[in-house]
């Protein structure tokens, strides 16, 4: 089928004639019962305009049968697609204009779609149903740049036309950030997995998945996907090769203070100043011993340089006890910082001894080597190719919920910094998939000091990431609880079933004004069904998402079926042992 077919569709797709236009809405009379039965709300229509090389694309919002008295009042001669005359018309279709399809011509060798609606159809213009192979042909325009290489991103099929494949623009999806939302059990992890699997098939893929519950582990079956795990309390002595640490020396100035400092302490300014000076001196010493003179000259408090925290604590402890000689009285008086760290030092000591925070404060010898930063960057950010997996699953399930924002935010900051300081000509784009994002990207009003620092990193990525080749895919079941700045930068929305009024309103606020009615559809969506709106999708679409090849481990438990079988196979003693060892998946023999 050639591209010209969209501009000369056969009569069997003709559904009626325009009789009224109003702003961005068009009313169409449908004269034939057979055609009326093919029309579905949320389907698509193609309308002629005064320009033979221009078609208006719209969404069908309403289909109704007019009362006889209404028809009598509006009895006009309406022409069908073959020029025939219908004296009576009693079926009305309301179409909302979505954009304009321009035919090939001039410098363009293929049709071009734009969301601009510059001209509405004239009275008497013909209207055709955009469905089946014609819909597939139309949506294929979006992937023209990638489809020729077989790399089009296909999310699923259109609900109104199951034979038509829903193709997204993979470039626009990641360039403009994406938001995947839906109530628990609606299929959002399924949708994210479908996108991840398609990305995994690309030889140069580069993606990090923040897997909060470890549910994406089954995706390891793909050859281009690797899995890492954040160090838990049971990994500190003998961590496996795939266990990651984010040692304290990666913390920047503000991150360090938000984690260690109590802003309500009256001595907080003195503590911050003394800690900063002690850390800088410890970093200078470490660089001098390593012979890294160039790094020494460029050192700042934010430089990611391994340093000995014991030395910092010793210096602060000495200041806290310092006594100085007063020449006038020849007696010792308290030093300027004497007693200022009485609460500060125990606070840091408690964090260092907390095995839950071992991934930060209890790194091993390997993680205290300057080369660990290179190792970490390559593990997380090396693009696919040459046997290197391009998709990296990072399991945060062993990280306590109160520390999750710190761990995720620190990793996001590291990725942003590496992208920012990479050479522009060799910079490889990377995407961060943030599963269960509401747990670590809350609204600022409900964020504590550590969460606020995590938010700052993600807000910067959301606002500036595009120019450095770093993208966000936010996945959440509570869009109303998400950080507004991050959510507002997501120009692509994939919304699965939502019933909570606040969540529906949050999604509606992200949509164009004339699509606000979409929120009324959200509660009625089936499992794995989504409304897709944004730069990556030519049309606001209701799509049945394809099943991923390897389904995430988030399927719903069939309570009644399990209870009906009787017996109890649950290994409760093993669960108790796992709790005590703070490590999931420990096996007994």
Protein backbone atom coordinates (compact mmCIF):
# COMPACT_ATOMS: atom_id res chain seq x y z
CA UNK A 1 0.00 0.00 0.00
CA UNK A 2 1.50 3.35 -1.05
CA UNK A 3 1.46 6.50 1.08
CA UNK A 4 -0.97 8.10 -1.41
CA UNK A 5 -3.69 5.72 -0.25
CA UNK A 6 -4.34 7.93 2.76
CA UNK A 7 -5.42 10.67 0.37
CA UNK A 8 -7.63 8.46 -1.77
CA UNK A 9 -9.34 6.10 0.64
CA UNK A 10 -12.02 3.78 -0.82
CA UNK A 11 -15.71 4.42 -0.27
CA UNK A 12 -16.08 1.51 2.15
CA UNK A 13 -14.31 3.71 4.75
CA UNK A 14 -16.60 6.70 4.13
CA UNK A 15 -18.73 7.50 7.19
CA UNK A 16 -20.42 10.81 6.42
CA UNK A 17 -20.40 14.50 5.59
CA UNK A 18 -19.48 17.52 7.68
CA UNK A 19 -22.46 19.72 8.55
CA UNK A 20 -21.07 21.84 11.41
CA UNK A 21 -17.69 23.05 12.68
CA UNK A 22 -17.08 24.70 16.03
CA UNK A 23 -13.63 25.58 17.37
CA UNK A 24 -11.79 22.23 17.25
CA UNK A 25 -14.95 20.09 17.04
CA UNK A 26 -16.58 18.86 13.84
CA UNK A 27 -20.07 17.36 13.51
CA UNK A 28 -20.63 14.72 10.82
CA UNK A 29 -23.86 13.14 9.53
CA UNK A 30 -23.58 9.40 8.92
CA UNK A 31 -26.32 8.28 6.50
CA UNK A 32 -25.79 4.51 6.43
CA UNK A 33 -26.55 2.06 9.23
CA UNK A 34 -23.86 -0.36 8.04
CA UNK A 35 -21.19 2.31 8.34
CA UNK A 36 -22.50 3.50 11.69
CA UNK A 37 -21.96 0.07 13.22
CA UNK A 38 -18.24 0.27 12.34
CA UNK A 39 -17.75 3.51 14.28
CA UNK A 40 -16.49 3.43 17.86
CA UNK A 41 -15.96 6.21 20.36
CA UNK A 42 -12.21 6.97 20.65
CA UNK A 43 -11.70 5.76 17.10
CA UNK A 44 -10.07 7.98 14.46
CA UNK A 45 -11.34 9.83 11.43
CA UNK A 46 -9.75 11.49 8.40
CA UNK A 47 -11.54 14.57 7.06
CA UNK A 48 -11.09 16.32 3.72
CA UNK A 49 -10.30 20.03 3.62
CA UNK A 50 -10.33 22.65 0.90
CA UNK A 51 -6.72 21.72 0.13
CA UNK A 52 -6.65 18.36 -1.72
CA UNK A 53 -3.18 17.71 -0.26
CA UNK A 54 -4.29 18.24 3.34
CA UNK A 55 -6.36 16.05 5.63
CA UNK A 56 -7.55 16.74 9.16
CA UNK A 57 -7.05 13.89 11.66
CA UNK A 58 -9.54 13.65 14.54
CA UNK A 59 -10.75 11.46 17.36
CA UNK A 60 -14.37 10.29 17.47
CA UNK A 61 -15.80 11.56 20.77
CA UNK A 62 -19.49 10.84 20.37
CA UNK A 63 -21.87 8.81 18.19
CA UNK A 64 -25.59 9.43 18.52
CA UNK A 65 -28.93 8.96 16.76
CA UNK A 66 -30.89 12.17 16.38
CA UNK A 67 -34.58 12.40 17.23
CA UNK A 68 -36.94 12.61 14.21
CA UNK A 69 -38.00 16.18 15.04
CA UNK A 70 -34.34 17.24 15.10
CA UNK A 71 -33.80 15.67 11.70
CA UNK A 72 -36.85 17.49 10.34
CA UNK A 73 -35.42 20.81 11.48
CA UNK A 74 -32.06 20.11 9.87
CA UNK A 75 -33.20 18.52 6.62
CA UNK A 76 -30.46 19.39 4.16
CA UNK A 77 -29.07 17.79 1.06
CA UNK A 78 -25.97 15.86 2.14
CA UNK A 79 -23.60 14.33 -0.41
CA UNK A 80 -21.94 10.99 0.10
CA UNK A 81 -18.43 10.09 -1.04
CA UNK A 82 -19.66 9.17 -4.55
CA UNK A 83 -21.69 12.32 -5.09
CA UNK A 84 -25.01 10.63 -4.36
CA UNK A 85 -27.79 12.44 -2.48
CA UNK A 86 -29.29 11.39 0.85
CA UNK A 87 -32.50 13.21 1.70
CA UNK A 88 -32.65 11.94 5.27
CA UNK A 89 -29.75 11.74 7.69
CA UNK A 90 -30.28 10.83 11.33
CA UNK A 91 -26.92 9.70 12.74
CA UNK A 92 -24.46 12.25 14.14
CA UNK A 93 -20.76 11.82 14.87
CA UNK A 94 -18.71 14.35 16.84
CA UNK A 95 -15.01 14.48 15.94
CA UNK A 96 -12.34 16.39 17.89
CA UNK A 97 -9.55 17.71 15.70
CA UNK A 98 -6.11 16.42 16.69
CA UNK A 99 -3.77 17.46 13.89
CA UNK A 100 -3.11 17.84 10.20
CA UNK A 101 -1.74 15.38 7.66
CA UNK A 102 0.15 17.02 4.80
CA UNK A 103 0.80 15.07 1.62
CA UNK A 104 4.11 14.61 -0.13
CA UNK A 105 5.27 17.55 -2.17
CA UNK A 106 7.98 20.16 -2.40
CA UNK A 107 10.96 19.05 -0.34
CA UNK A 108 8.98 16.23 1.31
CA UNK A 109 9.00 12.80 -0.29
CA UNK A 110 6.40 11.36 2.10
CA UNK A 111 3.35 12.58 4.05
CA UNK A 112 3.97 14.62 7.17
CA UNK A 113 1.83 14.88 10.31
CA UNK A 114 1.69 17.88 12.63
CA UNK A 115 -0.41 18.51 15.74
CA UNK A 116 -1.20 22.00 14.50
CA UNK A 117 -4.86 22.47 13.47
CA UNK A 118 -4.77 25.43 11.12
CA UNK A 119 -7.83 24.75 8.97
CA UNK A 120 -11.08 23.01 9.81
CA UNK A 121 -13.09 21.19 7.12
CA UNK A 122 -15.69 23.09 5.15
CA UNK A 123 -19.39 22.29 5.31
CA UNK A 124 -20.00 19.31 3.05
CA UNK A 125 -16.46 17.91 3.40
CA UNK A 126 -16.21 14.13 3.39
CA UNK A 127 -15.18 12.09 6.44
CA UNK A 128 -13.50 8.67 6.40
CA UNK A 129 -12.88 6.15 9.15
CA UNK A 130 -9.15 5.78 9.89
CA UNK A 131 -8.85 2.14 10.91
CA UNK A 132 -7.22 -1.19 10.09
CA UNK A 133 -4.39 -1.12 7.59
CA UNK A 134 -4.90 2.60 7.01
CA UNK A 135 -4.35 3.30 10.71
CA UNK A 136 -1.22 1.15 10.67
CA UNK A 137 -0.02 3.05 7.62
CA UNK A 138 -0.66 6.38 9.32
CA UNK A 139 1.05 5.46 12.62
CA UNK A 140 3.97 4.09 10.63
CA UNK A 141 4.81 7.67 9.77
CA UNK A 142 5.95 8.19 13.35
CA UNK A 143 8.67 5.55 13.08
CA UNK A 144 9.85 6.42 9.60
CA UNK A 145 13.37 7.19 10.88
CA UNK A 146 13.73 3.82 12.65
CA UNK A 147 11.31 1.46 10.94
CA UNK A 148 13.60 1.04 7.95
CA UNK A 149 16.15 -0.62 10.27
CA UNK A 150 13.54 -2.83 11.91
CA UNK A 151 13.92 -0.97 15.20
CA UNK A 152 10.49 0.62 15.56
CA UNK A 153 9.12 0.75 19.11
CA UNK A 154 5.79 -1.11 19.01
CA UNK A 155 3.86 -0.88 22.26
CA UNK A 156 0.87 -3.01 21.29
CA UNK A 157 -2.29 -2.69 19.20
CA UNK A 158 -5.12 -0.17 19.10
CA UNK A 159 -8.18 -1.15 21.10
CA UNK A 160 -10.53 0.21 18.42
CA UNK A 161 -8.63 -1.57 15.67
CA UNK A 162 -6.78 -4.64 17.02
CA UNK A 163 -5.21 -5.42 13.65
CA UNK A 164 -3.44 -2.03 13.65
CA UNK A 165 -0.10 -1.99 15.47
CA UNK A 166 0.59 0.95 17.81
CA UNK A 167 4.00 2.32 16.86
CA UNK A 168 5.70 4.94 19.04
CA UNK A 169 8.55 7.30 18.20
CA UNK A 170 11.39 5.84 20.28
CA UNK A 171 13.41 9.04 19.93
CA UNK A 172 10.63 11.30 21.21
CA UNK A 173 9.69 8.88 24.02
CA UNK A 174 13.10 9.22 25.64
CA UNK A 175 14.03 12.72 24.52
CA UNK A 176 10.97 14.22 26.21
CA UNK A 177 10.84 11.90 29.26
CA UNK A 178 7.95 9.50 29.87
CA UNK A 179 5.47 8.81 32.66
CA UNK A 180 3.86 5.38 33.14
CA UNK A 181 1.09 5.42 35.74
CA UNK A 182 -1.60 3.00 36.86
CA UNK A 183 -3.17 1.48 39.94
CA UNK A 184 -1.64 -1.66 41.39
CA UNK A 185 -2.48 -4.62 39.17
CA UNK A 186 -3.26 -2.48 36.12
CA UNK A 187 -0.19 -3.61 34.18
CA UNK A 188 2.28 -0.74 34.57
CA UNK A 189 5.23 -3.08 35.34
CA UNK A 190 4.12 -5.15 32.35
CA UNK A 191 4.19 -2.00 30.19
CA UNK A 192 7.61 -0.95 31.48
CA UNK A 193 8.94 -4.49 30.83
CA UNK A 194 7.64 -4.39 27.25
CA UNK A 195 9.57 -1.17 26.60
CA UNK A 196 12.69 -2.51 28.36
CA UNK A 197 12.62 -5.73 26.33
CA UNK A 198 12.37 -3.83 23.05
CA UNK A 199 15.26 -1.60 24.09
CA UNK A 200 17.27 -4.71 24.99
CA UNK A 201 17.06 -5.86 21.37
CA UNK A 202 18.98 -2.78 20.21
CA UNK A 203 22.74 -3.42 20.05
CA UNK A 204 23.66 -0.02 21.51
CA UNK A 205 20.99 0.17 24.22
CA UNK A 206 21.88 2.02 27.43
CA UNK A 207 19.39 1.94 30.29
CA UNK A 208 19.40 1.65 34.09
CA UNK A 209 16.28 0.28 35.79
CA UNK A 210 15.81 1.24 39.45
CA UNK A 211 14.09 -1.97 40.57
CA UNK A 212 12.73 -1.20 44.04
CA UNK A 213 11.15 -4.63 44.72
CA UNK A 214 13.34 -6.89 42.59
CA UNK A 215 10.38 -7.75 40.36
CA UNK A 216 12.22 -7.25 37.05
CA UNK A 217 14.67 -10.09 37.76
CA UNK A 218 12.98 -12.44 35.19
CA UNK A 219 14.14 -10.08 32.41
CA UNK A 220 17.68 -11.40 32.90
CA UNK A 221 16.71 -14.15 30.48
CA UNK A 222 17.51 -11.66 27.72
CA UNK A 223 21.13 -11.65 26.58
CA UNK A 224 21.48 -7.87 26.68
CA UNK A 225 20.34 -7.43 30.30
CA UNK A 226 22.54 -7.57 33.42
CA UNK A 227 21.42 -7.44 37.05
CA UNK A 228 23.11 -5.75 39.98
CA UNK A 229 22.09 -5.51 43.62
CA UNK A 230 22.66 -2.77 46.16
CA UNK A 231 24.66 -4.00 49.15
CA UNK A 232 22.47 -5.06 52.04
CA UNK A 233 23.48 -5.83 55.65
CA UNK A 234 24.38 -9.39 54.66
CA UNK A 235 26.76 -8.32 51.88
CA UNK A 236 29.27 -6.21 53.80
CA UNK A 237 31.92 -8.84 54.57
CA UNK A 238 32.00 -10.85 51.33
CA UNK A 239 30.04 -9.02 48.62
CA UNK A 240 29.42 -10.82 45.34
CA UNK A 241 30.67 -9.37 42.06
CA UNK A 242 27.28 -7.95 41.16
CA UNK A 243 26.82 -6.15 44.51
CA UNK A 244 27.17 -2.38 44.35
CA UNK A 245 28.28 0.12 46.99
CA UNK A 246 27.82 3.88 46.91
CA UNK A 247 30.57 4.85 49.36
CA UNK A 248 30.28 8.04 51.41
CA UNK A 249 33.06 9.76 49.48
CA UNK A 250 30.68 10.06 46.51
CA UNK A 251 28.51 12.44 48.54
CA UNK A 252 28.66 16.07 47.49
CA UNK A 253 28.64 18.93 49.97
CA UNK A 254 24.86 19.34 50.20
CA UNK A 255 24.27 15.57 50.16
CA UNK A 256 26.76 15.09 52.98
CA UNK A 257 25.22 17.79 55.16
CA UNK A 258 21.64 16.62 54.56
CA UNK A 259 22.61 13.13 55.66
CA UNK A 260 24.83 13.98 58.65
CA UNK A 261 23.67 17.35 59.94
CA UNK A 262 20.71 18.17 62.16
CA UNK A 263 19.65 21.61 60.97
CA UNK A 264 17.72 22.20 64.19
CA UNK A 265 20.91 22.00 66.25
CA UNK A 266 22.03 25.49 67.28
CA UNK A 267 25.63 24.47 66.53
CA UNK A 268 24.79 23.28 62.99
CA UNK A 269 26.69 26.15 61.23
CA UNK A 270 29.86 25.41 63.21
CA UNK A 271 29.47 21.69 62.58
CA UNK A 272 29.05 22.22 58.83
CA UNK A 273 32.12 24.45 58.61
CA UNK A 274 34.34 22.14 60.64
CA UNK A 275 33.17 19.03 58.75
CA UNK A 276 33.83 20.72 55.40
CA UNK A 277 37.38 21.73 56.37
CA UNK A 278 38.18 18.30 57.78
CA UNK A 279 36.89 16.49 54.68
CA UNK A 280 38.89 18.76 52.33
CA UNK A 281 42.08 18.10 54.31
CA UNK A 282 41.41 14.35 54.29
CA UNK A 283 40.88 14.41 50.52
CA UNK A 284 44.04 16.45 49.99
CA UNK A 285 46.03 13.92 51.99
CA UNK A 286 44.57 11.00 50.02
CA UNK A 287 45.39 12.63 46.67
CA UNK A 288 48.92 13.52 47.79
CA UNK A 289 49.58 9.93 48.88
CA UNK A 290 48.22 8.66 45.54
CA UNK A 291 50.40 11.08 43.57
CA UNK A 292 47.36 12.65 41.89
CA UNK A 293 48.72 16.17 41.66
CA UNK A 294 46.42 17.41 38.90
CA UNK A 295 43.38 16.30 40.88
CA UNK A 296 44.86 17.87 44.04
CA UNK A 297 45.10 21.28 42.38
CA UNK A 298 41.49 21.10 41.17
CA UNK A 299 40.08 19.69 44.42
CA UNK A 300 36.74 20.95 45.80
CA UNK A 301 34.50 19.68 48.57
CA UNK A 302 32.38 17.98 45.87
CA UNK A 303 35.26 16.08 44.24
CA UNK A 304 34.57 12.30 44.42
CA UNK A 305 37.83 11.30 46.09
CA UNK A 306 38.12 8.43 48.61
CA UNK A 307 39.17 9.70 52.04
CA UNK A 308 39.53 8.25 55.51
CA UNK A 309 36.44 9.07 57.55
CA UNK A 310 38.28 7.96 60.72
CA UNK A 311 40.68 10.86 60.26
CA UNK A 312 37.78 13.29 59.87
CA UNK A 313 36.14 11.97 63.03
CA UNK A 314 39.43 12.20 64.95
CA UNK A 315 39.91 15.81 63.89
CA UNK A 316 36.36 16.77 64.88
CA UNK A 317 36.73 14.93 68.20
CA UNK A 318 39.94 16.84 68.94
CA UNK A 319 38.22 20.15 68.19
CA UNK A 320 35.34 19.16 70.46
CA UNK A 321 37.77 18.64 73.37
CA UNK A 322 40.26 21.36 72.51
CA UNK A 323 41.57 23.58 75.29
CA UNK A 324 43.67 26.66 74.44
CA UNK A 325 46.06 28.66 76.61
CA UNK A 326 45.02 32.22 77.43
CA UNK A 327 48.29 34.26 77.51
CA UNK A 328 46.71 36.93 79.69
CA UNK A 329 45.78 34.57 82.52
CA UNK A 330 48.17 31.74 81.68
CA UNK A 331 45.23 29.38 82.05
CA UNK A 332 43.57 26.98 79.65
CA UNK A 333 40.13 27.89 78.34
CA UNK A 334 37.71 25.98 76.14
CA UNK A 335 38.57 26.16 72.44
CA UNK A 336 36.22 27.79 69.92
CA UNK A 337 34.61 24.42 69.06
CA UNK A 338 34.73 22.89 72.53
CA UNK A 339 31.50 20.95 73.11
CA UNK A 340 30.01 22.04 69.78
CA UNK A 341 30.00 18.45 68.45
CA UNK A 342 28.59 16.65 71.48
CA UNK A 343 25.51 15.60 69.49
CA UNK A 344 27.08 15.67 66.04
CA UNK A 345 29.81 13.06 66.64
CA UNK A 346 27.47 10.38 68.10
CA UNK A 347 25.08 10.99 65.19
CA UNK A 348 27.80 10.21 62.62
CA UNK A 349 29.05 7.26 64.66
CA UNK A 350 25.53 5.81 64.76
CA UNK A 351 25.22 6.05 60.97
CA UNK A 352 28.60 4.42 60.46
CA UNK A 353 27.71 1.49 62.70
CA UNK A 354 24.24 1.02 61.15
CA UNK A 355 24.58 -1.99 58.86
CA UNK A 356 21.50 -0.85 56.96
CA UNK A 357 23.63 2.04 55.75
CA UNK A 358 26.58 -0.22 55.01
CA UNK A 359 26.41 0.51 51.27
CA UNK A 360 27.40 4.07 52.23
CA UNK A 361 29.51 3.91 55.39
CA UNK A 362 31.03 0.42 55.43
CA UNK A 363 32.77 0.04 52.05
CA UNK A 364 35.54 -2.49 51.67
CA UNK A 365 39.08 -2.00 50.47
CA UNK A 366 37.99 -2.34 46.85
CA UNK A 367 35.40 0.43 47.22
CA UNK A 368 37.95 2.76 48.87
CA UNK A 369 40.24 2.64 45.86
CA UNK A 370 40.03 5.68 43.50
CA UNK A 371 39.54 3.23 40.63
CA UNK A 372 36.18 2.14 42.05
CA UNK A 373 34.53 5.19 40.54
CA UNK A 374 35.66 4.06 37.08
CA UNK A 375 34.47 0.54 37.86
CA UNK A 376 31.08 1.82 38.99
CA UNK A 377 30.64 4.10 35.97
CA UNK A 378 31.47 1.30 33.55
CA UNK A 379 29.19 -1.20 35.30
CA UNK A 380 26.21 1.15 35.22
CA UNK A 381 26.74 3.21 32.09
CA UNK A 382 28.66 1.21 29.52
CA UNK A 383 26.43 0.95 26.46
CA UNK A 384 25.58 -2.41 24.94
CA UNK A 385 27.86 -4.01 22.39
CA UNK A 386 30.83 -6.37 22.29
CA UNK A 387 29.28 -8.68 24.86
CA UNK A 388 28.47 -5.85 27.29
CA UNK A 389 24.79 -5.78 28.36
CA UNK A 390 23.11 -2.48 27.59
CA UNK A 391 20.25 -2.81 30.09
CA UNK A 392 21.23 -2.75 33.76
CA UNK A 393 18.72 -3.82 36.43
CA UNK A 394 19.68 -2.47 39.86
CA UNK A 395 17.84 -4.26 42.67
CA UNK A 396 17.18 -1.93 45.64
CA UNK A 397 14.98 -4.40 47.53
CA UNK A 398 17.53 -4.80 50.36
CA UNK A 399 17.73 -1.03 50.92
CA UNK A 400 15.42 0.19 53.75
CA UNK A 401 12.66 2.51 52.62
CA UNK A 402 13.98 5.48 54.61
CA UNK A 403 17.36 5.16 52.85
CA UNK A 404 15.95 4.52 49.37
CA UNK A 405 15.88 8.22 48.32
CA UNK A 406 19.56 8.58 49.32
CA UNK A 407 20.68 5.51 47.36
CA UNK A 408 18.63 6.22 44.23
CA UNK A 409 19.42 9.94 44.26
CA UNK A 410 23.16 9.34 44.63
CA UNK A 411 23.17 6.91 41.70
CA UNK A 412 21.19 9.35 39.54
CA UNK A 413 23.61 12.14 40.45
CA UNK A 414 26.58 9.97 39.44
CA UNK A 415 25.01 9.20 36.05
CA UNK A 416 24.24 12.87 35.43
CA UNK A 417 27.77 13.96 36.34
CA UNK A 418 29.38 11.37 34.05
CA UNK A 419 27.11 12.45 31.19
CA UNK A 420 27.76 16.13 31.89
CA UNK A 421 31.54 15.75 31.85
CA UNK A 422 31.70 13.38 28.87
CA UNK A 423 32.94 14.61 25.52
CA UNK A 424 29.94 15.73 23.51
CA UNK A 425 31.02 13.93 20.36
CA UNK A 426 31.32 10.56 22.16
CA UNK A 427 28.49 10.94 24.69
CA UNK A 428 26.12 7.95 24.53
CA UNK A 429 22.48 8.56 25.57
CA UNK A 430 21.18 6.75 28.62
CA UNK A 431 17.71 6.35 30.18
CA UNK A 432 16.80 5.89 33.84
CA UNK A 433 13.66 3.83 34.50
CA UNK A 434 12.39 4.86 37.96
CA UNK A 435 10.08 2.12 39.20
CA UNK A 436 7.75 2.98 42.14
CA UNK A 437 8.96 6.57 41.80
CA UNK A 438 6.51 7.97 44.38
CA UNK A 439 8.64 6.29 47.09
CA UNK A 440 11.67 8.51 46.40
CA UNK A 441 10.31 11.36 44.27
CA UNK A 442 7.60 12.81 46.52
CA UNK A 443 6.26 16.33 46.51
CA UNK A 444 8.65 18.80 48.13
CA UNK A 445 6.20 19.64 50.89
CA UNK A 446 6.39 16.08 52.23
CA UNK A 447 10.14 15.52 51.66
CA UNK A 448 12.71 15.45 54.47
CA UNK A 449 16.27 16.78 54.09
CA UNK A 450 17.67 13.61 52.47
CA UNK A 451 14.68 13.27 50.12
CA UNK A 452 15.01 16.93 49.15
CA UNK A 453 18.59 16.32 47.98
CA UNK A 454 17.44 13.31 45.95
CA UNK A 455 14.70 15.43 44.41
CA UNK A 456 17.23 18.10 43.47
CA UNK A 457 19.20 15.59 41.38
CA UNK A 458 16.12 14.28 39.58
CA UNK A 459 14.68 17.74 39.03
CA UNK A 460 17.92 18.77 37.37
CA UNK A 461 17.86 15.70 35.14
CA UNK A 462 14.22 16.40 34.25
CA UNK A 463 14.99 20.00 33.29
CA UNK A 464 18.49 19.71 31.81
CA UNK A 465 18.99 16.04 31.02
CA UNK A 466 18.00 16.27 27.35
CA UNK A 467 21.08 18.27 26.36
CA UNK A 468 23.34 15.74 28.09
CA UNK A 469 21.62 12.66 26.71
CA UNK A 470 19.98 11.43 29.91
CA UNK A 471 16.28 10.61 30.03
CA UNK A 472 13.73 9.62 32.68
CA UNK A 473 10.97 7.02 32.50
CA UNK A 474 8.89 7.50 35.65
CA UNK A 475 6.75 4.54 36.77
CA UNK A 476 4.27 5.06 39.61
CA UNK A 477 0.90 3.95 40.98
CA UNK A 478 0.31 7.32 42.68
CA UNK A 479 0.79 10.19 40.19
CA UNK A 480 -0.82 12.60 42.66
CA UNK A 481 2.08 12.01 45.10
CA UNK A 482 4.85 12.53 42.55
CA UNK A 483 7.10 15.55 42.54
CA UNK A 484 5.40 18.17 40.38
CA UNK A 485 8.58 19.47 38.74
CA UNK A 486 9.68 16.02 37.57
CA UNK A 487 6.18 15.00 36.42
CA UNK A 488 5.63 18.26 34.53
CA UNK A 489 8.70 17.61 32.37
CA UNK A 490 7.33 14.26 31.14
CA UNK A 491 5.89 15.03 27.72
CA UNK A 492 4.77 11.44 27.17
CA UNK A 493 2.09 9.89 29.37
CA UNK A 494 1.13 6.20 29.37
CA UNK A 495 -1.84 6.00 31.73
CA UNK A 496 -3.29 2.62 32.71
CA UNK A 497 -6.32 2.08 34.93
CA UNK A 498 -6.70 4.72 37.66
CA UNK A 499 -9.72 5.16 39.91
CA UNK A 500 -8.51 7.50 42.65
CA UNK A 501 -9.90 11.02 41.97
CA UNK A 502 -6.62 12.72 42.92
CA UNK A 503 -4.60 10.46 40.63
CA UNK A 504 -7.04 10.98 37.75
CA UNK A 505 -6.89 14.73 38.22
CA UNK A 506 -3.06 14.66 38.31
CA UNK A 507 -2.96 12.83 34.97
CA UNK A 508 -5.61 15.09 33.47
CA UNK A 509 -3.53 18.16 34.37
CA UNK A 510 -0.70 16.82 32.19
CA UNK A 511 -2.89 16.50 29.09
CA UNK A 512 -3.76 19.16 26.50
CA UNK A 513 -6.95 21.06 27.31
CA UNK A 514 -9.08 19.39 24.65
CA UNK A 515 -8.12 15.94 25.97
CA UNK A 516 -9.22 16.55 29.55
CA UNK A 517 -12.09 14.10 29.10
CA UNK A 518 -9.58 11.24 28.93
CA UNK A 519 -9.64 11.01 32.73
CA UNK A 520 -13.23 9.75 32.55
CA UNK A 521 -11.99 6.68 30.64
CA UNK A 522 -9.19 5.76 33.07
CA UNK A 523 -11.29 3.77 35.60
CA UNK A 524 -12.76 1.57 32.84
CA UNK A 525 -9.49 0.44 31.27
CA UNK A 526 -8.76 -3.27 31.31
CA UNK A 527 -5.56 -4.86 32.61
CA UNK A 528 -2.74 -3.98 30.24
CA UNK A 529 -4.82 -1.30 28.50
CA UNK A 530 -3.43 2.23 28.40
CA UNK A 531 -4.18 5.73 27.16
CA UNK A 532 -1.04 7.02 25.44
CA UNK A 533 -0.58 10.74 24.88
CA UNK A 534 2.50 12.75 24.00
CA UNK A 535 5.27 13.52 21.54
CA UNK A 536 6.02 9.82 20.94
CA UNK A 537 2.48 9.04 19.79
CA UNK A 538 0.94 10.66 16.73
CA UNK A 539 -2.56 10.32 18.16
CA UNK A 540 -3.89 10.16 21.72
CA UNK A 541 -4.56 6.43 21.70
CA UNK A 542 -6.16 3.65 23.68
CA UNK A 543 -3.71 0.78 23.32
CA UNK A 544 -3.69 -2.83 24.41
CA UNK A 545 -0.08 -3.30 25.51
CA UNK A 546 1.74 -6.39 24.27
CA UNK A 547 2.70 -9.02 26.82
CA UNK A 548 6.42 -8.92 27.64
CA UNK A 549 8.34 -12.06 26.77
CA UNK A 550 9.53 -12.34 30.37
CA UNK A 551 6.88 -11.06 32.76
CA UNK A 552 7.96 -9.15 35.88
CA UNK A 553 7.46 -10.95 39.18
CA UNK A 554 4.50 -8.76 40.14
CA UNK A 555 1.55 -10.95 39.22
CA UNK A 556 -1.49 -10.87 41.48
CA UNK A 557 -1.90 -13.70 43.97
CA UNK A 558 -5.03 -15.81 43.42
CA UNK A 559 -6.16 -15.82 47.04
CA UNK A 560 -9.31 -17.91 46.73
CA UNK A 561 -7.66 -20.53 44.53
CA UNK A 562 -4.70 -20.92 46.90
CA UNK A 563 -6.91 -21.07 49.96
CA UNK A 564 -9.10 -23.68 48.27
CA UNK A 565 -6.17 -26.08 47.87
CA UNK A 566 -5.46 -26.28 51.59
CA UNK A 567 -2.14 -26.94 53.26
CA UNK A 568 0.67 -24.51 53.99
CA UNK A 569 3.91 -24.70 52.03
CA UNK A 570 5.25 -21.37 53.28
CA UNK A 571 8.68 -21.72 54.88
CA UNK A 572 8.19 -19.39 57.82
CA UNK A 573 11.45 -20.35 59.52
CA UNK A 574 13.33 -19.36 56.38
CA UNK A 575 11.52 -16.00 56.36
CA UNK A 576 12.51 -15.40 59.99
CA UNK A 577 16.13 -16.23 59.16
CA UNK A 578 16.07 -13.84 56.21
CA UNK A 579 14.74 -11.09 58.48
CA UNK A 580 17.56 -11.59 60.94
CA UNK A 581 20.20 -11.75 58.23
CA UNK A 582 18.61 -8.85 56.32
CA UNK A 583 19.00 -10.66 53.06
CA UNK A 584 16.27 -11.93 50.74
CA UNK A 585 16.50 -15.20 48.89
CA UNK A 586 18.67 -17.12 51.38
CA UNK A 587 18.17 -20.86 50.89
CA UNK A 588 18.27 -23.62 53.47
CA UNK A 589 19.18 -27.22 52.93
